Structures are given as C-alpha cells and as structure tokens.
N, C-alpha and C. Protein backbone atom coordinates (compact mmCIF):
# COMPACT_ATOMS: atom_id res chain seq x y z
N UNK A 1 -25.08 -51.78 -64.98
CA UNK A 1 -24.44 -50.52 -64.61
C UNK A 1 -24.01 -50.58 -63.14
N UNK A 2 -24.91 -50.53 -62.22
CA UNK A 2 -24.54 -50.57 -60.81
C UNK A 2 -24.87 -49.26 -60.10
N UNK A 3 -24.65 -49.27 -58.80
CA UNK A 3 -24.89 -48.07 -58.00
C UNK A 3 -23.87 -47.00 -58.35
N UNK A 4 -24.30 -45.74 -58.31
CA UNK A 4 -23.43 -44.62 -58.65
C UNK A 4 -22.48 -44.24 -57.52
N UNK A 5 -22.95 -44.36 -56.26
CA UNK A 5 -22.12 -43.93 -55.13
C UNK A 5 -22.66 -44.56 -53.84
N UNK A 6 -21.95 -44.29 -52.75
CA UNK A 6 -22.33 -44.90 -51.47
C UNK A 6 -23.71 -44.43 -51.01
N UNK A 7 -24.10 -43.22 -51.36
CA UNK A 7 -25.42 -42.73 -50.96
C UNK A 7 -26.53 -43.57 -51.59
N UNK A 8 -26.33 -43.97 -52.84
CA UNK A 8 -27.33 -44.82 -53.50
C UNK A 8 -27.41 -46.20 -52.85
N UNK A 9 -26.27 -46.74 -52.47
CA UNK A 9 -26.25 -48.04 -51.80
C UNK A 9 -27.07 -47.94 -50.51
N UNK A 10 -26.82 -46.90 -49.75
CA UNK A 10 -27.55 -46.71 -48.49
C UNK A 10 -29.03 -46.48 -48.76
N UNK A 11 -29.34 -45.67 -49.76
CA UNK A 11 -30.74 -45.37 -50.09
C UNK A 11 -31.52 -46.63 -50.42
N UNK A 12 -30.96 -47.46 -51.29
CA UNK A 12 -31.72 -48.62 -51.74
C UNK A 12 -31.63 -49.80 -50.79
N UNK A 13 -30.44 -50.17 -50.39
CA UNK A 13 -30.31 -51.35 -49.52
C UNK A 13 -30.73 -51.00 -48.09
N UNK A 14 -30.33 -49.84 -47.61
CA UNK A 14 -30.82 -49.41 -46.30
C UNK A 14 -32.32 -49.18 -46.32
N UNK A 15 -32.81 -48.70 -47.46
CA UNK A 15 -34.23 -48.42 -47.62
C UNK A 15 -35.11 -49.65 -47.47
N UNK A 16 -34.55 -50.83 -47.79
CA UNK A 16 -35.29 -52.08 -47.61
C UNK A 16 -35.74 -52.18 -46.16
N UNK A 17 -34.81 -51.87 -45.27
CA UNK A 17 -35.10 -52.03 -43.84
C UNK A 17 -35.97 -50.89 -43.31
N UNK A 18 -35.77 -49.68 -43.83
CA UNK A 18 -36.64 -48.58 -43.39
C UNK A 18 -38.09 -48.90 -43.69
N UNK A 19 -38.34 -49.46 -44.87
CA UNK A 19 -39.69 -49.86 -45.25
C UNK A 19 -40.16 -51.03 -44.40
N UNK A 20 -39.29 -52.00 -44.17
CA UNK A 20 -39.65 -53.20 -43.42
C UNK A 20 -40.01 -52.88 -41.97
N UNK A 21 -39.32 -51.91 -41.38
CA UNK A 21 -39.62 -51.56 -39.99
C UNK A 21 -41.06 -51.08 -39.83
N UNK A 22 -41.61 -50.49 -40.90
CA UNK A 22 -42.98 -49.98 -40.85
C UNK A 22 -44.03 -51.04 -41.19
N UNK A 23 -43.57 -52.21 -41.64
CA UNK A 23 -44.49 -53.28 -42.01
C UNK A 23 -45.02 -53.95 -40.74
N UNK A 24 -46.35 -54.07 -40.60
CA UNK A 24 -46.92 -54.62 -39.35
C UNK A 24 -46.54 -56.08 -39.10
N UNK A 25 -46.23 -56.83 -40.14
CA UNK A 25 -45.84 -58.23 -39.96
C UNK A 25 -44.33 -58.37 -39.76
N UNK A 26 -43.56 -57.75 -40.64
CA UNK A 26 -42.11 -57.94 -40.65
C UNK A 26 -41.40 -57.08 -39.60
N UNK A 27 -41.83 -55.84 -39.45
CA UNK A 27 -41.16 -54.90 -38.55
C UNK A 27 -40.92 -55.44 -37.15
N UNK A 28 -41.97 -55.90 -36.47
CA UNK A 28 -41.76 -56.41 -35.11
C UNK A 28 -40.80 -57.60 -35.05
N UNK A 29 -40.83 -58.44 -36.09
CA UNK A 29 -39.93 -59.60 -36.11
C UNK A 29 -38.48 -59.16 -36.26
N UNK A 30 -38.23 -58.14 -37.09
CA UNK A 30 -36.87 -57.61 -37.23
C UNK A 30 -36.39 -57.03 -35.90
N UNK A 31 -37.23 -56.24 -35.28
CA UNK A 31 -36.87 -55.61 -34.00
C UNK A 31 -36.57 -56.68 -32.95
N UNK A 32 -37.40 -57.73 -32.93
CA UNK A 32 -37.23 -58.79 -31.94
C UNK A 32 -35.93 -59.58 -32.09
N UNK A 33 -35.30 -59.53 -33.27
CA UNK A 33 -34.03 -60.24 -33.42
C UNK A 33 -32.96 -59.63 -32.52
N UNK A 34 -33.10 -58.32 -32.22
CA UNK A 34 -32.12 -57.64 -31.39
C UNK A 34 -30.78 -57.43 -32.08
N UNK A 35 -30.74 -57.62 -33.38
CA UNK A 35 -29.47 -57.58 -34.12
C UNK A 35 -29.08 -56.18 -34.56
N UNK A 36 -27.78 -55.99 -34.63
CA UNK A 36 -27.20 -54.84 -35.32
C UNK A 36 -26.28 -55.46 -36.38
N UNK A 37 -26.63 -55.24 -37.64
CA UNK A 37 -25.89 -55.86 -38.74
C UNK A 37 -25.28 -54.77 -39.60
N UNK A 38 -24.00 -54.96 -39.93
CA UNK A 38 -23.32 -54.04 -40.84
C UNK A 38 -23.14 -54.75 -42.18
N UNK A 39 -23.49 -54.06 -43.24
CA UNK A 39 -23.22 -54.52 -44.59
C UNK A 39 -22.07 -53.66 -45.11
N UNK A 40 -20.95 -54.30 -45.37
CA UNK A 40 -19.73 -53.61 -45.80
C UNK A 40 -19.57 -53.86 -47.29
N UNK A 41 -19.93 -52.85 -48.09
CA UNK A 41 -19.93 -52.99 -49.54
C UNK A 41 -18.69 -52.37 -50.17
N UNK A 42 -18.32 -52.93 -51.32
CA UNK A 42 -17.28 -52.33 -52.17
C UNK A 42 -17.90 -52.11 -53.55
N UNK A 43 -17.27 -51.25 -54.32
CA UNK A 43 -17.65 -50.97 -55.72
C UNK A 43 -19.09 -50.50 -55.85
N UNK A 44 -19.51 -49.40 -55.31
CA UNK A 44 -18.77 -48.41 -54.52
C UNK A 44 -18.71 -48.79 -53.03
N UNK A 45 -17.74 -48.19 -52.36
CA UNK A 45 -17.57 -48.44 -50.93
C UNK A 45 -18.71 -47.80 -50.15
N UNK A 46 -19.31 -48.59 -49.27
CA UNK A 46 -20.38 -48.09 -48.41
C UNK A 46 -20.53 -49.07 -47.24
N UNK A 47 -20.79 -48.53 -46.08
CA UNK A 47 -21.11 -49.36 -44.92
C UNK A 47 -22.51 -48.96 -44.47
N UNK A 48 -23.42 -49.90 -44.56
CA UNK A 48 -24.81 -49.67 -44.17
C UNK A 48 -25.05 -50.47 -42.89
N UNK A 49 -25.38 -49.76 -41.82
CA UNK A 49 -25.60 -50.42 -40.53
C UNK A 49 -27.09 -50.41 -40.22
N UNK A 50 -27.60 -51.60 -39.91
CA UNK A 50 -29.01 -51.76 -39.58
C UNK A 50 -29.09 -52.09 -38.09
N UNK A 51 -29.61 -51.16 -37.32
CA UNK A 51 -29.78 -51.32 -35.88
C UNK A 51 -31.25 -51.69 -35.66
N UNK A 52 -31.49 -52.99 -35.62
CA UNK A 52 -32.88 -53.46 -35.59
C UNK A 52 -33.64 -53.04 -34.33
N UNK A 53 -33.05 -53.17 -33.13
CA UNK A 53 -33.82 -52.79 -31.93
C UNK A 53 -34.26 -51.33 -31.94
N UNK A 54 -33.45 -50.47 -32.54
CA UNK A 54 -33.76 -49.04 -32.58
C UNK A 54 -34.38 -48.59 -33.90
N UNK A 55 -34.66 -49.55 -34.78
CA UNK A 55 -35.25 -49.25 -36.09
C UNK A 55 -34.48 -48.15 -36.81
N UNK A 56 -33.15 -48.29 -36.84
CA UNK A 56 -32.31 -47.24 -37.42
C UNK A 56 -31.42 -47.80 -38.53
N UNK A 57 -31.28 -47.00 -39.58
CA UNK A 57 -30.38 -47.32 -40.69
C UNK A 57 -29.38 -46.18 -40.77
N UNK A 58 -28.09 -46.51 -40.80
CA UNK A 58 -27.09 -45.45 -40.89
C UNK A 58 -26.03 -45.80 -41.92
N UNK A 59 -25.39 -44.76 -42.41
CA UNK A 59 -24.31 -44.89 -43.37
C UNK A 59 -23.01 -44.74 -42.60
N UNK A 60 -22.34 -45.85 -42.35
CA UNK A 60 -21.07 -45.82 -41.62
C UNK A 60 -21.22 -46.35 -40.21
N UNK A 61 -20.08 -46.63 -39.59
CA UNK A 61 -20.06 -47.27 -38.28
C UNK A 61 -20.05 -46.29 -37.12
N UNK A 62 -19.84 -45.02 -37.36
CA UNK A 62 -19.67 -44.07 -36.27
C UNK A 62 -20.92 -43.81 -35.47
N UNK A 63 -20.75 -43.79 -34.15
CA UNK A 63 -21.80 -43.30 -33.28
C UNK A 63 -22.83 -44.28 -32.80
N UNK A 64 -23.03 -45.39 -33.48
CA UNK A 64 -24.07 -46.31 -33.05
C UNK A 64 -23.51 -47.52 -32.34
N UNK A 65 -24.37 -48.46 -32.01
CA UNK A 65 -23.90 -49.68 -31.36
C UNK A 65 -23.03 -50.51 -32.30
N UNK A 66 -22.16 -51.32 -31.72
CA UNK A 66 -21.30 -52.19 -32.53
C UNK A 66 -22.13 -53.30 -33.16
N UNK A 67 -21.81 -53.63 -34.41
CA UNK A 67 -22.56 -54.71 -35.07
C UNK A 67 -22.29 -56.06 -34.41
N UNK A 68 -23.33 -56.90 -34.36
CA UNK A 68 -23.15 -58.26 -33.89
C UNK A 68 -22.63 -59.14 -35.02
N UNK A 69 -22.82 -58.69 -36.26
CA UNK A 69 -22.32 -59.41 -37.42
C UNK A 69 -22.10 -58.42 -38.56
N UNK A 70 -21.13 -58.76 -39.41
CA UNK A 70 -20.84 -57.94 -40.58
C UNK A 70 -20.81 -58.83 -41.80
N UNK A 71 -21.49 -58.39 -42.84
CA UNK A 71 -21.46 -59.10 -44.12
C UNK A 71 -20.74 -58.20 -45.12
N UNK A 72 -19.68 -58.72 -45.74
CA UNK A 72 -18.91 -57.96 -46.71
C UNK A 72 -19.10 -58.56 -48.10
N UNK A 73 -19.35 -57.67 -49.07
CA UNK A 73 -19.57 -58.10 -50.45
C UNK A 73 -19.51 -56.88 -51.36
N UNK A 74 -19.50 -57.11 -52.66
CA UNK A 74 -19.61 -55.98 -53.57
C UNK A 74 -21.06 -55.49 -53.55
N UNK A 75 -21.27 -54.25 -53.92
CA UNK A 75 -22.63 -53.71 -53.96
C UNK A 75 -23.48 -54.46 -54.98
N UNK A 76 -22.86 -54.93 -56.07
CA UNK A 76 -23.61 -55.70 -57.07
C UNK A 76 -24.13 -57.01 -56.49
N UNK A 77 -23.32 -57.68 -55.67
CA UNK A 77 -23.77 -58.92 -55.03
C UNK A 77 -24.90 -58.59 -54.05
N UNK A 78 -24.76 -57.50 -53.29
CA UNK A 78 -25.81 -57.09 -52.37
C UNK A 78 -27.11 -56.79 -53.09
N UNK A 79 -27.01 -56.10 -54.21
CA UNK A 79 -28.18 -55.77 -55.01
C UNK A 79 -28.86 -57.05 -55.50
N UNK A 80 -28.08 -57.98 -56.01
CA UNK A 80 -28.65 -59.25 -56.50
C UNK A 80 -29.25 -60.06 -55.35
N UNK A 81 -28.59 -60.03 -54.19
CA UNK A 81 -29.11 -60.77 -53.04
C UNK A 81 -30.50 -60.29 -52.66
N UNK A 82 -30.69 -58.97 -52.61
CA UNK A 82 -31.99 -58.43 -52.19
C UNK A 82 -33.06 -58.57 -53.26
N UNK A 83 -32.67 -59.14 -54.41
CA UNK A 83 -33.66 -59.49 -55.43
C UNK A 83 -33.90 -61.01 -55.45
N UNK A 84 -33.30 -61.71 -54.48
CA UNK A 84 -33.48 -63.16 -54.39
C UNK A 84 -32.64 -63.94 -55.37
N UNK A 85 -31.60 -63.33 -55.90
CA UNK A 85 -30.79 -63.97 -56.94
C UNK A 85 -29.47 -64.54 -56.43
N UNK A 86 -29.21 -64.48 -55.13
CA UNK A 86 -27.96 -64.98 -54.57
C UNK A 86 -28.27 -66.01 -53.49
N UNK A 87 -27.70 -67.18 -53.65
CA UNK A 87 -27.80 -68.22 -52.63
C UNK A 87 -26.72 -67.92 -51.60
N UNK A 88 -27.12 -67.50 -50.40
CA UNK A 88 -26.17 -67.02 -49.41
C UNK A 88 -25.13 -68.08 -49.01
N UNK A 89 -25.52 -69.30 -48.67
CA UNK A 89 -24.49 -70.29 -48.31
C UNK A 89 -23.49 -70.54 -49.44
N UNK A 90 -23.97 -70.59 -50.67
CA UNK A 90 -23.08 -70.80 -51.81
C UNK A 90 -22.16 -69.60 -52.02
N UNK A 91 -22.72 -68.40 -51.90
CA UNK A 91 -21.91 -67.19 -52.04
C UNK A 91 -20.84 -67.11 -50.96
N UNK A 92 -21.18 -67.56 -49.75
CA UNK A 92 -20.20 -67.59 -48.66
C UNK A 92 -19.10 -68.61 -48.98
N UNK A 93 -19.49 -69.76 -49.49
CA UNK A 93 -18.51 -70.81 -49.82
C UNK A 93 -17.56 -70.34 -50.92
N UNK A 94 -18.09 -69.56 -51.85
CA UNK A 94 -17.27 -69.05 -52.96
C UNK A 94 -16.55 -67.74 -52.62
N UNK A 95 -16.69 -67.30 -51.38
CA UNK A 95 -16.05 -66.08 -50.87
C UNK A 95 -16.57 -64.81 -51.55
N UNK A 96 -17.76 -64.87 -52.13
CA UNK A 96 -18.37 -63.67 -52.68
C UNK A 96 -19.01 -62.85 -51.56
N UNK A 97 -19.37 -63.54 -50.48
CA UNK A 97 -19.89 -62.90 -49.29
C UNK A 97 -19.07 -63.41 -48.11
N UNK A 98 -18.52 -62.47 -47.35
CA UNK A 98 -17.75 -62.83 -46.16
C UNK A 98 -18.53 -62.37 -44.94
N UNK A 99 -18.63 -63.26 -43.96
CA UNK A 99 -19.39 -62.95 -42.76
C UNK A 99 -18.45 -63.01 -41.56
N UNK A 100 -18.53 -61.98 -40.74
CA UNK A 100 -17.77 -61.95 -39.49
C UNK A 100 -18.75 -61.73 -38.35
N UNK A 101 -18.39 -62.26 -37.19
CA UNK A 101 -19.25 -62.07 -36.03
C UNK A 101 -20.20 -63.23 -35.85
N UNK A 102 -21.36 -62.94 -35.33
CA UNK A 102 -22.35 -63.95 -34.98
C UNK A 102 -23.11 -64.42 -36.22
N UNK A 103 -22.55 -65.44 -36.89
CA UNK A 103 -23.16 -65.96 -38.11
C UNK A 103 -24.55 -66.53 -37.82
N UNK A 104 -24.70 -67.19 -36.68
CA UNK A 104 -26.00 -67.77 -36.33
C UNK A 104 -27.09 -66.71 -36.26
N UNK A 105 -26.72 -65.52 -35.82
CA UNK A 105 -27.72 -64.46 -35.72
C UNK A 105 -28.23 -64.05 -37.10
N UNK A 106 -27.36 -64.13 -38.09
CA UNK A 106 -27.79 -63.76 -39.44
C UNK A 106 -28.79 -64.77 -40.00
N UNK A 107 -28.68 -66.01 -39.55
CA UNK A 107 -29.61 -67.02 -40.03
C UNK A 107 -31.04 -66.70 -39.59
N UNK A 108 -31.18 -65.94 -38.52
CA UNK A 108 -32.52 -65.51 -38.07
C UNK A 108 -33.17 -64.60 -39.11
N UNK A 109 -32.33 -63.91 -39.87
CA UNK A 109 -32.85 -62.94 -40.84
C UNK A 109 -33.28 -63.58 -42.15
N UNK A 110 -32.74 -64.73 -42.48
CA UNK A 110 -32.98 -65.32 -43.80
C UNK A 110 -34.47 -65.44 -44.14
N UNK A 111 -35.30 -66.02 -43.25
CA UNK A 111 -36.71 -66.12 -43.61
C UNK A 111 -37.39 -64.76 -43.78
N UNK A 112 -36.96 -63.79 -42.99
CA UNK A 112 -37.55 -62.45 -43.10
C UNK A 112 -37.08 -61.76 -44.36
N UNK A 113 -35.81 -61.97 -44.72
CA UNK A 113 -35.24 -61.33 -45.90
C UNK A 113 -36.00 -61.64 -47.16
N UNK A 114 -36.46 -62.88 -47.28
CA UNK A 114 -37.19 -63.29 -48.47
C UNK A 114 -38.46 -62.47 -48.67
N UNK A 115 -39.03 -62.01 -47.58
CA UNK A 115 -40.26 -61.22 -47.67
C UNK A 115 -39.98 -59.79 -48.13
N UNK A 116 -38.72 -59.41 -48.21
CA UNK A 116 -38.36 -58.04 -48.57
C UNK A 116 -37.99 -57.89 -50.05
N UNK A 117 -37.79 -59.00 -50.74
CA UNK A 117 -37.32 -58.94 -52.13
C UNK A 117 -38.26 -58.14 -53.04
N UNK A 118 -39.55 -58.44 -53.00
CA UNK A 118 -40.50 -57.80 -53.92
C UNK A 118 -40.53 -56.29 -53.71
N UNK A 119 -40.50 -55.85 -52.48
CA UNK A 119 -40.51 -54.42 -52.20
C UNK A 119 -39.27 -53.72 -52.70
N UNK A 120 -38.13 -54.40 -52.60
CA UNK A 120 -36.86 -53.84 -53.09
C UNK A 120 -36.92 -53.67 -54.61
N UNK A 121 -37.36 -54.72 -55.29
CA UNK A 121 -37.46 -54.66 -56.75
C UNK A 121 -38.43 -53.56 -57.17
N UNK A 122 -39.56 -53.45 -56.47
CA UNK A 122 -40.55 -52.42 -56.80
C UNK A 122 -39.98 -51.02 -56.61
N UNK A 123 -39.19 -50.83 -55.57
CA UNK A 123 -38.59 -49.52 -55.32
C UNK A 123 -37.62 -49.14 -56.45
N UNK A 124 -36.85 -50.13 -56.92
CA UNK A 124 -35.95 -49.86 -58.05
C UNK A 124 -36.76 -49.46 -59.28
N UNK A 125 -37.83 -50.19 -59.55
CA UNK A 125 -38.68 -49.88 -60.71
C UNK A 125 -39.30 -48.50 -60.57
N UNK A 126 -39.83 -48.20 -59.37
CA UNK A 126 -40.48 -46.91 -59.14
C UNK A 126 -39.53 -45.74 -59.37
N UNK A 127 -38.24 -45.96 -59.08
CA UNK A 127 -37.24 -44.90 -59.25
C UNK A 127 -36.59 -44.93 -60.64
N UNK A 128 -37.11 -45.79 -61.54
CA UNK A 128 -36.55 -45.85 -62.88
C UNK A 128 -35.17 -46.48 -62.93
N UNK A 129 -34.84 -47.31 -61.95
CA UNK A 129 -33.52 -47.95 -61.91
C UNK A 129 -33.58 -49.39 -62.41
N UNK A 130 -34.19 -49.57 -63.58
CA UNK A 130 -34.26 -50.89 -64.19
C UNK A 130 -32.88 -51.45 -64.47
N UNK A 131 -31.89 -50.57 -64.57
CA UNK A 131 -30.51 -51.02 -64.81
C UNK A 131 -29.97 -51.85 -63.64
N UNK A 132 -30.59 -51.72 -62.46
CA UNK A 132 -30.14 -52.47 -61.30
C UNK A 132 -30.87 -53.80 -61.13
N UNK A 133 -31.89 -54.03 -61.93
CA UNK A 133 -32.66 -55.28 -61.81
C UNK A 133 -31.93 -56.40 -62.54
N UNK A 134 -31.75 -57.50 -61.79
CA UNK A 134 -31.00 -58.64 -62.36
C UNK A 134 -31.93 -59.80 -62.65
C-alpha cells in the first residue's frame, strides 16, 4: 500500500530519529555527527529534515539550517531502507536514491542507521501498519 500522505512519512521516518535522539547509545553519536540531512521523498511528496546537532525533526525546509546533504527517493524506497532492505550504494548506482551535498557525511550515518531498523519496524507493527513492512 504505502504511506497515505506527507504527514505519515514525517511521522514514521522522522520518528526514527526522534526515538534515536533519546537513546543513550545512539543519540549522542547522531548529535556528534553535526549533520543536517534532508530526505526528499516522492509518492507522497514530503521533505523530512533531520537537524542532528539540535535534535530536531521537521517537515519541510523552511526556517531551519540548510542541509549538508539531501537524499532523494520515493517514500517506498525510504520505508524499505529503514527496514534494512535497501543496499544504499546499489540503490544510488541504480538512481533509486539520489544524493546531493556532502556524500561523505552520510557515510557517517550508515553504521548508526543499522541500529535503528528494529525500532522502525516495531513502530510500524505497534501502529498496525503491517502493510508497510517489506
């Protein structure tokens, strides 16, 4: 099925980071990256900005710091990625994920991202969104 609207994209994918910021192991590591990353999704359209130093998640680019990197993809690819089902380098090579800005900075997130998969899947299950599990 997929996400119903941009608010759901922000709730679930942005929610990964809201939860991670509170994690005693992962949170400080995310903050220490100093990154501001924008996820630019289509189908449905949504821009989720993660401001790691300020532990902030926002819907859209207005008002906050400029992203150091932007990852563009469909919301379905983003959903699958946060479940550990997308190989990022391969997806980039196949143009399923487009990255602009400081690509090297995103590589800092890869090891941390893997620690977030289980929590994302659990949140989908807890909300009865088994239709989003791949």
